[in-house]
Amino acid sequence: MKSAQIKTYGDSEVLEINRSTPSIKDPSEGMVLVTVKAAGVNPVDWKVREGFFKQMAPLQFPATLGMDFSGVIVKVGGGVSSPDLKQGDEVYGQAGVLMGGSGAFAEMALAKSDTIAHKPRTLSHEQAAGLPLVGVSAWQALVEIMRLSKDQKILIHGGAGGIGSIAIQLAKRLGSRVATTVSTNNMQFVKEELGADEAIDYKTQTFEDLLTHDYDAVFDTVGGETFTRSFKVLKRGGIIVSMIEQPNQELMDQFGVKAIFLFSQVNKERLTRLAEWVDQNNIRVNVEKTFPLDEARTALDYQRDVHPRGKIVLAMQ
């Protein structure tokens, strides 16, 4: 069995393709063994490789990288509380070592049964592999926290990225008016393919000068001064949810808005609701580039350095 592993923290050169990783035969209590068809690449994957989280969650080496995956169940361990998960089912979710799994950048993986669900029927394995983290993040922010509804107005930063591209589609299906900030070459993409009502070039335009200051919500995936400036476009009583920044009480009081930091929590319930919603609403997961597992090093560097449109995916076959 092949897997993409590291034996120490570092840059791209520490990642190796282990072609003799012992095959996993029996999943333990509460676990599911899957054949991985494709694995999604997220910014957190290269950050794990480089040791960003080694103080709070140190790895045991060698460690297989990767969180998001889509694949097929090979065997179900004892004590699995989901009777609908059985051998042969197509599933998607997370198998990262930080979530108690064995790592998704591998031909086979162990995942906790409460971090997977049946994959969306309308998506390929490559598309489904790109969905768990970004899809659940958008779902938590817009549906669970903001409770975004028809005719409300939302500003989504980083609209061409993995999270932003799903968030725009979700907001539009909820009936909201969507403005988004993107780079110059992504203006047409977010408007024509994702449905954004207004696209602002963050390199040449100032969003708080162009937008009316009556927005109900802001979804921030960028942070820094973008987060700070976003308070200006919100109406009093509005809400800003950030994937990057902690709430700033001074700005909250000044503008009369609520600010919330979002920590994404991928679980079976959210994955199931997300899959149903994707199938019902014909949502697309834009996969910009697919790499074979052997090129995991290149894929991680591409994710880190290029800021892709949508998702980067590793295909196992």
C-alpha atoms as a PDB file:
ATOM      1  CA  MET A   1       0.000   0.000   0.000  1.00  0.00           C
ATOM      2  CA  LYS A   2       1.263   3.470  -0.915  1.00  0.00           C
ATOM      3  CA  SER A   3       1.005   6.533   1.309  1.00  0.00           C
ATOM      4  CA  ALA A   4       2.441  10.061   1.503  1.00  0.00           C
ATOM      5  CA  GLN A   5       4.302  10.319   4.807  1.00  0.00           C
ATOM      6  CA  ILE A   6       6.640  12.539   6.779  1.00  0.00           C
ATOM      7  CA  LYS A   7       9.200  11.471   9.389  1.00  0.00           C
ATOM      8  CA  THR A   8       9.914  14.991  10.612  1.00  0.00           C
ATOM      9  CA  TYR A   9       8.474  18.489  10.222  1.00  0.00           C
ATOM     10  CA  GLY A  10       9.720  20.626   7.367  1.00  0.00           C
ATOM     11  CA  ASP A  11       9.302  21.880   3.816  1.00  0.00           C
ATOM     12  CA  SER A  12       8.347  19.820   0.777  1.00  0.00           C
ATOM     13  CA  GLU A  13      11.497  17.685   0.843  1.00  0.00           C
ATOM     14  CA  VAL A  14      10.422  15.899   4.058  1.00  0.00           C
ATOM     15  CA  LEU A  15       7.428  14.296   2.334  1.00  0.00           C
ATOM     16  CA  GLU A  16       8.093  10.819   0.964  1.00  0.00           C
ATOM     17  CA  ILE A  17       5.970   8.267  -0.880  1.00  0.00           C
ATOM     18  CA  ASN A  18       6.105   5.085   1.173  1.00  0.00           C
ATOM     19  CA  ARG A  19       5.405   2.193  -1.180  1.00  0.00           C
ATOM     20  CA  SER A  20       5.526  -0.448   1.523  1.00  0.00           C
ATOM     21  CA  THR A  21       3.157   0.916   4.143  1.00  0.00           C
ATOM     22  CA  PRO A  22       1.662  -2.126   5.915  1.00  0.00           C
ATOM     23  CA  SER A  23      -1.899  -2.787   4.753  1.00  0.00           C
ATOM     24  CA  ILE A  24      -4.600  -2.279   7.362  1.00  0.00           C
ATOM     25  CA  LYS A  25      -6.634  -5.436   7.798  1.00  0.00           C
ATOM     26  CA  ASP A  26      -9.081  -4.887  10.647  1.00  0.00           C
ATOM     27  CA  PRO A  27     -10.538  -1.566  11.796  1.00  0.00           C
ATOM     28  CA  SER A  28     -10.700  -1.147  15.555  1.00  0.00           C
ATOM     29  CA  GLU A  29     -13.745  -0.239  17.626  1.00  0.00           C
ATOM     30  CA  GLY A  30     -15.717   2.642  16.085  1.00  0.00           C
ATOM     31  CA  MET A  31     -13.517   2.801  12.981  1.00  0.00           C
ATOM     32  CA  VAL A  32     -14.117   2.163   9.290  1.00  0.00           C
ATOM     33  CA  LEU A  33     -11.562   0.936   6.755  1.00  0.00           C
ATOM     34  CA  VAL A  34     -11.893   2.534   3.314  1.00  0.00           C
ATOM     35  CA  THR A  35     -10.284   2.305  -0.084  1.00  0.00           C
ATOM     36  CA  VAL A  36      -9.409   5.911  -0.858  1.00  0.00           C
ATOM     37  CA  LYS A  37     -10.362   6.937  -4.387  1.00  0.00           C
ATOM     38  CA  ALA A  38      -9.325  10.583  -4.044  1.00  0.00           C
ATOM     39  CA  ALA A  39      -8.073  12.926  -1.305  1.00  0.00           C
ATOM     40  CA  GLY A  40      -8.643  16.667  -1.056  1.00  0.00           C
ATOM     41  CA  VAL A  41      -5.679  18.964  -0.443  1.00  0.00           C
ATOM     42  CA  ASN A  42      -6.212  21.792   2.061  1.00  0.00           C
ATOM     43  CA  PRO A  43      -3.945  24.569   3.376  1.00  0.00           C
ATOM     44  CA  VAL A  44      -3.978  22.815   6.754  1.00  0.00           C
ATOM     45  CA  ASP A  45      -2.164  19.836   5.166  1.00  0.00           C
ATOM     46  CA  TRP A  46       1.041  21.734   4.356  1.00  0.00           C
ATOM     47  CA  LYS A  47       0.755  23.534   7.688  1.00  0.00           C
ATOM     48  CA  VAL A  48       0.683  20.156   9.471  1.00  0.00           C
ATOM     49  CA  ARG A  49       3.729  19.110   7.444  1.00  0.00           C
ATOM     50  CA  GLU A  50       5.611  22.264   8.434  1.00  0.00           C
ATOM     51  CA  GLY A  51       4.786  21.900  12.141  1.00  0.00           C
ATOM     52  CA  PHE A  52       2.265  24.709  12.643  1.00  0.00           C
ATOM     53  CA  PHE A  53       0.333  22.561  15.149  1.00  0.00           C
ATOM     54  CA  LYS A  54       3.162  20.605  16.775  1.00  0.00           C
ATOM     55  CA  GLN A  55       2.710  22.285  20.161  1.00  0.00           C
ATOM     56  CA  MET A  56      -1.026  21.582  20.493  1.00  0.00           C
ATOM     57  CA  ALA A  57      -1.149  18.311  18.540  1.00  0.00           C
ATOM     58  CA  PRO A  58       2.280  16.698  18.041  1.00  0.00           C
ATOM     59  CA  LEU A  59       2.479  13.958  15.410  1.00  0.00           C
ATOM     60  CA  GLN A  60       3.820  10.474  15.928  1.00  0.00           C
ATOM     61  CA  PHE A  61       6.259   9.729  13.094  1.00  0.00           C
ATOM     62  CA  PRO A  62       6.091   8.427  10.487  1.00  0.00           C
ATOM     63  CA  ALA A  63       2.792  10.210   9.888  1.00  0.00           C
ATOM     64  CA  THR A  64       0.570   9.983   6.832  1.00  0.00           C
ATOM     65  CA  LEU A  65      -0.717  13.394   5.756  1.00  0.00           C
ATOM     66  CA  GLY A  66      -4.183  14.347   4.473  1.00  0.00           C
ATOM     67  CA  MET A  67      -7.645  14.835   5.947  1.00  0.00           C
ATOM     68  CA  ASP A  68     -10.406  14.954   3.298  1.00  0.00           C
ATOM     69  CA  PHE A  69     -11.183  11.895   1.197  1.00  0.00           C
ATOM     70  CA  SER A  70     -13.783  10.093  -0.864  1.00  0.00           C
ATOM     71  CA  GLY A  71     -13.799   6.335  -1.224  1.00  0.00           C
ATOM     72  CA  VAL A  72     -15.455   2.983  -0.599  1.00  0.00           C
ATOM     73  CA  ILE A  73     -15.911   1.112   2.679  1.00  0.00           C
ATOM     74  CA  VAL A  74     -13.930  -2.129   2.854  1.00  0.00           C
ATOM     75  CA  LYS A  75     -14.753  -3.138   6.425  1.00  0.00           C
ATOM     76  CA  VAL A  76     -16.626  -1.740   9.423  1.00  0.00           C
ATOM     77  CA  GLY A  77     -15.229  -2.118  12.933  1.00  0.00           C
ATOM     78  CA  GLY A  78     -17.182  -3.160  15.990  1.00  0.00           C
ATOM     79  CA  GLY A  79     -19.235  -0.662  17.905  1.00  0.00           C
ATOM     80  CA  VAL A  80     -19.958   1.510  14.873  1.00  0.00           C
ATOM     81  CA  SER A  81     -23.156   3.316  15.796  1.00  0.00           C
ATOM     82  CA  SER A  82     -24.243   3.974  12.191  1.00  0.00           C
ATOM     83  CA  PRO A  83     -26.122   0.926  10.884  1.00  0.00           C
ATOM     84  CA  ASP A  84     -26.282   2.510   7.426  1.00  0.00           C
ATOM     85  CA  LEU A  85     -22.477   2.295   6.973  1.00  0.00           C
ATOM     86  CA  LYS A  86     -21.625  -1.042   5.389  1.00  0.00           C
ATOM     87  CA  GLN A  87     -19.115  -2.693   3.105  1.00  0.00           C
ATOM     88  CA  GLY A  88     -19.266  -1.358  -0.458  1.00  0.00           C
ATOM     89  CA  ASP A  89     -20.836   2.023   0.441  1.00  0.00           C
ATOM     90  CA  GLU A  90     -19.371   5.118  -1.209  1.00  0.00           C
ATOM     91  CA  VAL A  91     -18.468   7.599   1.530  1.00  0.00           C
ATOM     92  CA  TYR A  92     -16.685  10.893   2.021  1.00  0.00           C
ATOM     93  CA  GLY A  93     -15.353  12.737   5.043  1.00  0.00           C
ATOM     94  CA  GLN A  94     -12.135  12.950   7.019  1.00  0.00           C
ATOM     95  CA  ALA A  95      -9.427  10.462   7.957  1.00  0.00           C
ATOM     96  CA  GLY A  96      -6.739  12.832   9.233  1.00  0.00           C
ATOM     97  CA  VAL A  97      -4.426  11.729  12.020  1.00  0.00           C
ATOM     98  CA  LEU A  98      -5.439  14.796  14.033  1.00  0.00           C
ATOM     99  CA  MET A  99      -9.031  13.482  13.919  1.00  0.00           C
ATOM    100  CA  GLY A 100      -8.100   9.978  15.031  1.00  0.00           C
ATOM    101  CA  GLY A 101      -7.738   8.518  11.531  1.00  0.00           C
ATOM    102  CA  SER A 102      -4.704   7.088   9.747  1.00  0.00           C
ATOM    103  CA  GLY A 103      -4.243   9.839   7.115  1.00  0.00           C
ATOM    104  CA  ALA A 104      -6.059  10.350   3.797  1.00  0.00           C
ATOM    105  CA  PHE A 105      -3.050  10.593   1.460  1.00  0.00           C
ATOM    106  CA  ALA A 106      -2.963   6.820   1.081  1.00  0.00           C
ATOM    107  CA  GLU A 107      -4.524   4.046  -0.971  1.00  0.00           C
ATOM    108  CA  MET A 108      -6.352   2.812   2.135  1.00  0.00           C
ATOM    109  CA  ALA A 109      -7.264   4.645   5.326  1.00  0.00           C
ATOM    110  CA  LEU A 110      -8.942   4.296   8.688  1.00  0.00           C
ATOM    111  CA  ALA A 111     -11.546   6.876   9.646  1.00  0.00           C
ATOM    112  CA  LYS A 112     -13.773   7.331  12.665  1.00  0.00           C
ATOM    113  CA  SER A 113     -17.335   6.418  11.740  1.00  0.00           C
ATOM    114  CA  ASP A 114     -18.596   9.774  13.044  1.00  0.00           C
ATOM    115  CA  THR A 115     -16.379  11.727  10.604  1.00  0.00           C
ATOM    116  CA  ILE A 116     -17.780  10.177   7.397  1.00  0.00           C
ATOM    117  CA  ALA A 117     -21.110   9.944   5.564  1.00  0.00           C
ATOM    118  CA  HIS A 118     -22.467   8.724   2.251  1.00  0.00           C
ATOM    119  CA  LYS A 119     -20.923  10.825  -0.492  1.00  0.00           C
ATOM    120  CA  PRO A 120     -23.103  13.091  -2.658  1.00  0.00           C
ATOM    121  CA  ARG A 121     -24.513  10.980  -5.513  1.00  0.00           C
ATOM    122  CA  THR A 122     -24.106  13.793  -8.043  1.00  0.00           C
ATOM    123  CA  LEU A 123     -20.365  14.222  -7.455  1.00  0.00           C
ATOM    124  CA  SER A 124     -17.423  12.159  -8.656  1.00  0.00           C
ATOM    125  CA  HIS A 125     -14.953  10.862  -6.080  1.00  0.00           C
ATOM    126  CA  GLU A 126     -12.529  13.644  -7.068  1.00  0.00           C
ATOM    127  CA  GLN A 127     -15.180  16.327  -6.510  1.00  0.00           C
ATOM    128  CA  ALA A 128     -16.463  14.746  -3.284  1.00  0.00           C
ATOM    129  CA  ALA A 129     -12.913  14.542  -1.908  1.00  0.00           C
ATOM    130  CA  GLY A 130     -12.649  18.302  -2.216  1.00  0.00           C
ATOM    131  CA  LEU A 131     -15.835  18.983  -0.275  1.00  0.00           C
ATOM    132  CA  PRO A 132     -15.688  17.925   3.429  1.00  0.00           C
ATOM    133  CA  LEU A 133     -13.691  20.737   5.068  1.00  0.00           C
ATOM    134  CA  VAL A 134     -14.708  23.596   2.769  1.00  0.00           C
ATOM    135  CA  GLY A 135     -18.339  22.510   2.515  1.00  0.00           C
ATOM    136  CA  VAL A 136     -18.832  22.043   6.250  1.00  0.00           C
ATOM    137  CA  SER A 137     -17.074  25.375   6.932  1.00  0.00           C
ATOM    138  CA  ALA A 138     -19.482  27.217   4.621  1.00  0.00           C
ATOM    139  CA  TRP A 139     -22.442  25.304   6.064  1.00  0.00           C
ATOM    140  CA  GLN A 140     -21.537  26.102   9.674  1.00  0.00           C
ATOM    141  CA  ALA A 141     -20.991  29.779   8.894  1.00  0.00           C
ATOM    142  CA  LEU A 142     -23.999  30.554   6.701  1.00  0.00           C
ATOM    143  CA  VAL A 143     -26.653  28.094   7.889  1.00  0.00           C
ATOM    144  CA  GLU A 144     -25.868  27.382  11.538  1.00  0.00           C
ATOM    145  CA  ILE A 145     -24.305  30.638  12.752  1.00  0.00           C
ATOM    146  CA  MET A 146     -25.568  33.416  10.451  1.00  0.00           C
ATOM    147  CA  ARG A 147     -28.916  31.728   9.684  1.00  0.00           C
ATOM    148  CA  LEU A 148     -28.720  33.474   6.329  1.00  0.00           C
ATOM    149  CA  SER A 149     -32.090  33.859   4.626  1.00  0.00           C
ATOM    150  CA  LYS A 150     -33.839  35.131   1.529  1.00  0.00           C
ATOM    151  CA  ASP A 151     -33.126  38.712   0.455  1.00  0.00           C
ATOM    152  CA  GLN A 152     -30.321  39.221   2.959  1.00  0.00           C
ATOM    153  CA  LYS A 153     -26.991  40.611   1.783  1.00  0.00           C
ATOM    154  CA  ILE A 154     -23.650  38.922   2.414  1.00  0.00           C
ATOM    155  CA  LEU A 155     -20.050  39.791   1.576  1.00  0.00           C
ATOM    156  CA  ILE A 156     -17.835  36.723   1.094  1.00  0.00           C
ATOM    157  CA  HIS A 157     -14.086  37.281   1.046  1.00  0.00           C
ATOM    158  CA  GLY A 158     -11.894  34.971  -1.034  1.00  0.00           C
ATOM    159  CA  GLY A 159     -14.800  33.881  -3.226  1.00  0.00           C
ATOM    160  CA  ALA A 160     -12.725  31.869  -5.708  1.00  0.00           C
ATOM    161  CA  GLY A 161     -11.076  29.689  -3.057  1.00  0.00           C
ATOM    162  CA  GLY A 162     -12.237  26.341  -1.749  1.00  0.00           C
ATOM    163  CA  ILE A 163     -14.460  27.677   1.041  1.00  0.00           C
ATOM    164  CA  GLY A 164     -15.546  30.821  -0.782  1.00  0.00           C
ATOM    165  CA  SER A 165     -16.643  29.014  -3.938  1.00  0.00           C
ATOM    166  CA  ILE A 166     -18.999  26.779  -1.939  1.00  0.00           C
ATOM    167  CA  ALA A 167     -20.182  29.667   0.259  1.00  0.00           C
ATOM    168  CA  ILE A 168     -21.219  31.745  -2.772  1.00  0.00           C
ATOM    169  CA  GLN A 169     -23.323  28.900  -4.168  1.00  0.00           C
ATOM    170  CA  LEU A 170     -24.864  28.179  -0.774  1.00  0.00           C
ATOM    171  CA  ALA A 171     -25.752  31.835  -0.196  1.00  0.00           C
ATOM    172  CA  LYS A 172     -27.359  32.118  -3.631  1.00  0.00           C
ATOM    173  CA  ARG A 173     -29.447  28.959  -3.084  1.00  0.00           C
ATOM    174  CA  LEU A 174     -30.603  30.468   0.223  1.00  0.00           C
ATOM    175  CA  GLY A 175     -31.869  33.470  -1.736  1.00  0.00           C
ATOM    176  CA  SER A 176     -29.296  36.020  -0.581  1.00  0.00           C
ATOM    177  CA  ARG A 177     -27.550  38.738  -2.546  1.00  0.00           C
ATOM    178  CA  VAL A 178     -23.821  38.025  -2.716  1.00  0.00           C
ATOM    179  CA  ALA A 179     -20.827  40.314  -3.099  1.00  0.00           C
ATOM    180  CA  THR A 180     -17.353  38.816  -3.091  1.00  0.00           C
ATOM    181  CA  THR A 181     -13.707  39.863  -3.209  1.00  0.00           C
ATOM    182  CA  VAL A 182     -11.365  38.065  -5.625  1.00  0.00           C
ATOM    183  CA  SER A 183      -8.260  38.628  -7.709  1.00  0.00           C
ATOM    184  CA  THR A 184      -8.537  40.097 -11.212  1.00  0.00           C
ATOM    185  CA  ASN A 185      -8.460  36.793 -13.094  1.00  0.00           C
ATOM    186  CA  ASN A 186     -11.279  35.318 -10.983  1.00  0.00           C
ATOM    187  CA  MET A 187     -13.879  38.070 -11.519  1.00  0.00           C
ATOM    188  CA  GLN A 188     -15.631  36.285 -14.382  1.00  0.00           C
ATOM    189  CA  PHE A 189     -15.440  32.885 -12.667  1.00  0.00           C
ATOM    190  CA  VAL A 190     -17.279  33.923  -9.484  1.00  0.00           C
ATOM    191  CA  LYS A 191     -20.001  35.810 -11.352  1.00  0.00           C
ATOM    192  CA  GLU A 192     -20.707  33.542 -14.316  1.00  0.00           C
ATOM    193  CA  GLU A 193     -19.955  30.115 -12.847  1.00  0.00           C
ATOM    194  CA  LEU A 194     -20.752  30.543  -9.145  1.00  0.00           C
ATOM    195  CA  GLY A 195     -23.496  33.185  -9.364  1.00  0.00           C
ATOM    196  CA  ALA A 196     -22.093  36.085  -7.339  1.00  0.00           C
ATOM    197  CA  ASP A 197     -24.053  39.305  -7.864  1.00  0.00           C
ATOM    198  CA  GLU A 198     -21.051  41.563  -7.455  1.00  0.00           C
ATOM    199  CA  ALA A 199     -17.316  40.852  -7.696  1.00  0.00           C
ATOM    200  CA  ILE A 200     -14.695  43.259  -6.354  1.00  0.00           C
ATOM    201  CA  ASP A 201     -11.030  43.110  -7.365  1.00  0.00           C
ATOM    202  CA  TYR A 202      -9.240  43.294  -4.018  1.00  0.00           C
ATOM    203  CA  LYS A 203      -5.984  44.293  -5.735  1.00  0.00           C
ATOM    204  CA  THR A 204      -7.338  47.432  -7.412  1.00  0.00           C
ATOM    205  CA  GLN A 205     -10.627  48.224  -5.641  1.00  0.00           C
ATOM    206  CA  THR A 206     -11.641  49.054  -2.060  1.00  0.00           C
ATOM    207  CA  PHE A 207     -14.689  46.988  -1.130  1.00  0.00           C
ATOM    208  CA  GLU A 208     -15.869  49.248   1.712  1.00  0.00           C
ATOM    209  CA  ASP A 209     -15.973  52.208  -0.669  1.00  0.00           C
ATOM    210  CA  LEU A 210     -17.886  50.345  -3.383  1.00  0.00           C
ATOM    211  CA  LEU A 211     -20.481  48.552  -1.257  1.00  0.00           C
ATOM    212  CA  THR A 212     -23.402  50.065   0.619  1.00  0.00           C
ATOM    213  CA  HIS A 213     -23.002  49.847   4.383  1.00  0.00           C
ATOM    214  CA  ASP A 214     -26.135  47.795   4.994  1.00  0.00           C
ATOM    215  CA  TYR A 215     -24.919  44.221   4.699  1.00  0.00           C
ATOM    216  CA  ASP A 216     -26.412  41.605   6.991  1.00  0.00           C
ATOM    217  CA  ALA A 217     -23.339  39.381   7.083  1.00  0.00           C
ATOM    218  CA  VAL A 218     -19.667  39.027   6.177  1.00  0.00           C
ATOM    219  CA  PHE A 219     -17.844  35.707   5.808  1.00  0.00           C
ATOM    220  CA  ASP A 220     -14.103  36.265   6.184  1.00  0.00           C
ATOM    221  CA  THR A 221     -11.579  33.674   4.962  1.00  0.00           C
ATOM    222  CA  VAL A 222      -8.739  36.182   4.563  1.00  0.00           C
ATOM    223  CA  GLY A 223      -8.142  37.896   7.909  1.00  0.00           C
ATOM    224  CA  GLY A 224      -5.838  40.811   8.685  1.00  0.00           C
ATOM    225  CA  GLU A 225      -6.965  44.283   7.664  1.00  0.00           C
ATOM    226  CA  THR A 226      -9.623  42.742   5.417  1.00  0.00           C
ATOM    227  CA  PHE A 227     -11.357  41.550   8.589  1.00  0.00           C
ATOM    228  CA  THR A 228     -11.038  44.956  10.258  1.00  0.00           C
ATOM    229  CA  ARG A 229     -12.312  46.892   7.242  1.00  0.00           C
ATOM    230  CA  SER A 230     -15.277  44.536   6.853  1.00  0.00           C
ATOM    231  CA  PHE A 231     -17.035  45.972   9.902  1.00  0.00           C
ATOM    232  CA  LYS A 232     -17.703  49.128   7.865  1.00  0.00           C
ATOM    233  CA  VAL A 233     -20.057  47.410   5.400  1.00  0.00           C
ATOM    234  CA  LEU A 234     -22.250  45.804   8.059  1.00  0.00           C
ATOM    235  CA  LYS A 235     -25.475  47.318   9.285  1.00  0.00           C
ATOM    236  CA  ARG A 236     -26.064  47.546  13.032  1.00  0.00           C
ATOM    237  CA  GLY A 237     -27.136  44.137  14.271  1.00  0.00           C
ATOM    238  CA  GLY A 238     -25.159  42.435  11.484  1.00  0.00           C
ATOM    239  CA  ILE A 239     -22.683  39.584  11.905  1.00  0.00           C
ATOM    240  CA  ILE A 240     -19.166  38.769  10.732  1.00  0.00           C
ATOM    241  CA  VAL A 241     -17.865  35.205  10.879  1.00  0.00           C
ATOM    242  CA  SER A 242     -14.118  34.736  10.400  1.00  0.00           C
ATOM    243  CA  MET A 243     -12.103  31.593   9.742  1.00  0.00           C
ATOM    244  CA  ILE A 244      -8.953  33.515  10.718  1.00  0.00           C
ATOM    245  CA  GLU A 245      -9.533  36.262  13.291  1.00  0.00           C
ATOM    246  CA  GLN A 246     -10.776  36.204  16.864  1.00  0.00           C
ATOM    247  CA  PRO A 247     -13.631  38.643  17.726  1.00  0.00           C
ATOM    248  CA  ASN A 248     -12.586  42.249  18.353  1.00  0.00           C
ATOM    249  CA  GLN A 249     -14.766  43.650  21.134  1.00  0.00           C
ATOM    250  CA  GLU A 250     -13.824  47.261  20.382  1.00  0.00           C
ATOM    251  CA  LEU A 251     -14.973  46.959  16.755  1.00  0.00           C
ATOM    252  CA  MET A 252     -18.089  45.055  17.804  1.00  0.00           C
ATOM    253  CA  ASP A 253     -19.074  47.866  20.156  1.00  0.00           C
ATOM    254  CA  GLN A 254     -18.179  50.615  17.676  1.00  0.00           C
ATOM    255  CA  PHE A 255     -20.265  49.210  14.820  1.00  0.00           C
ATOM    256  CA  GLY A 256     -22.944  47.417  16.829  1.00  0.00           C
ATOM    257  CA  VAL A 257     -22.340  44.023  15.236  1.00  0.00           C
ATOM    258  CA  LYS A 258     -21.562  40.488  16.355  1.00  0.00           C
ATOM    259  CA  ALA A 259     -18.223  38.837  15.482  1.00  0.00           C
ATOM    260  CA  ILE A 260     -17.605  35.088  15.728  1.00  0.00           C
ATOM    261  CA  PHE A 261     -14.532  32.940  15.096  1.00  0.00           C
ATOM    262  CA  LEU A 262     -15.392  29.704  13.266  1.00  0.00           C
ATOM    263  CA  PHE A 263     -13.613  26.466  14.075  1.00  0.00           C
ATOM    264  CA  SER A 264     -14.793  23.931  11.502  1.00  0.00           C
ATOM    265  CA  GLN A 265     -16.055  20.668  12.932  1.00  0.00           C
ATOM    266  CA  VAL A 266     -16.625  17.966  10.343  1.00  0.00           C
ATOM    267  CA  ASN A 267     -19.005  15.277  11.587  1.00  0.00           C
ATOM    268  CA  LYS A 268     -21.435  12.718  10.192  1.00  0.00           C
ATOM    269  CA  GLU A 269     -24.525  14.862  10.730  1.00  0.00           C
ATOM    270  CA  ARG A 270     -23.124  17.896   8.891  1.00  0.00           C
ATOM    271  CA  LEU A 271     -21.671  15.760   6.103  1.00  0.00           C
ATOM    272  CA  THR A 272     -25.030  14.034   5.603  1.00  0.00           C
ATOM    273  CA  ARG A 273     -26.968  17.318   5.449  1.00  0.00           C
ATOM    274  CA  LEU A 274     -24.339  18.814   3.159  1.00  0.00           C
ATOM    275  CA  ALA A 275     -24.494  15.846   0.766  1.00  0.00           C
ATOM    276  CA  GLU A 276     -28.287  16.025   0.595  1.00  0.00           C
ATOM    277  CA  TRP A 277     -28.140  19.753  -0.086  1.00  0.00           C
ATOM    278  CA  VAL A 278     -25.464  19.340  -2.785  1.00  0.00           C
ATOM    279  CA  ASP A 279     -27.543  16.678  -4.565  1.00  0.00           C
ATOM    280  CA  GLN A 280     -30.748  18.733  -4.358  1.00  0.00           C
ATOM    281  CA  ASN A 281     -29.206  22.001  -5.534  1.00  0.00           C
ATOM    282  CA  ASN A 282     -26.793  20.790  -8.203  1.00  0.00           C
ATOM    283  CA  ILE A 283     -23.777  22.342  -6.461  1.00  0.00           C
ATOM    284  CA  ARG A 284     -20.395  22.095  -8.163  1.00  0.00           C
ATOM    285  CA  VAL A 285     -17.018  21.559  -6.558  1.00  0.00           C
ATOM    286  CA  ASN A 286     -14.466  23.211  -8.809  1.00  0.00           C
ATOM    287  CA  VAL A 287     -11.373  20.996  -8.991  1.00  0.00           C
ATOM    288  CA  GLU A 288      -8.659  23.129 -10.560  1.00  0.00           C
ATOM    289  CA  LYS A 289      -6.017  20.441 -10.728  1.00  0.00           C
ATOM    290  CA  THR A 290      -5.683  16.731  -9.981  1.00  0.00           C
ATOM    291  CA  PHE A 291      -2.351  15.127  -9.088  1.00  0.00           C
ATOM    292  CA  PRO A 292      -1.483  11.435  -8.674  1.00  0.00           C
ATOM    293  CA  LEU A 293      -0.532  10.323  -5.157  1.00  0.00           C
ATOM    294  CA  ASP A 294       3.103  10.073  -6.268  1.00  0.00           C
ATOM    295  CA  GLU A 295       3.071  13.868  -6.767  1.00  0.00           C
ATOM    296  CA  ALA A 296       1.711  14.734  -3.302  1.00  0.00           C
ATOM    297  CA  ARG A 297       4.758  16.929  -2.663  1.00  0.00           C
ATOM    298  CA  THR A 298       3.991  19.014  -5.766  1.00  0.00           C
ATOM    299  CA  ALA A 299       0.293  19.182  -4.882  1.00  0.00           C
ATOM    300  CA  LEU A 300       0.974  20.555  -1.389  1.00  0.00           C
ATOM    301  CA  ASP A 301       3.366  23.189  -2.734  1.00  0.00           C
ATOM    302  CA  TYR A 302       0.806  24.147  -5.395  1.00  0.00           C
ATOM    303  CA  GLN A 303      -1.851  24.606  -2.701  1.00  0.00           C
ATOM    304  CA  ARG A 304       0.497  26.733  -0.617  1.00  0.00           C
ATOM    305  CA  ASP A 305       1.993  28.909  -3.364  1.00  0.00           C
ATOM    306  CA  VAL A 306      -0.636  29.275  -6.108  1.00  0.00           C
ATOM    307  CA  HIS A 307      -3.915  29.821  -4.177  1.00  0.00           C
ATOM    308  CA  PRO A 308      -5.968  27.670  -6.569  1.00  0.00           C
ATOM    309  CA  ARG A 309      -9.428  28.365  -7.916  1.00  0.00           C
ATOM    310  CA  GLY A 310     -11.495  25.922  -5.887  1.00  0.00           C
ATOM    311  CA  LYS A 311      -9.749  22.698  -4.942  1.00  0.00           C
ATOM    312  CA  ILE A 312      -6.629  20.594  -5.509  1.00  0.00           C
ATOM    313  CA  VAL A 313      -7.142  16.821  -5.352  1.00  0.00           C
ATOM    314  CA  LEU A 314      -4.950  13.705  -5.216  1.00  0.00           C
ATOM    315  CA  ALA A 315      -6.292  10.776  -7.276  1.00  0.00           C
ATOM    316  CA  MET A 316      -5.220   7.357  -6.033  1.00  0.00           C
ATOM    317  CA  GLN A 317      -5.843   5.424  -9.242  1.00  0.00           C
END
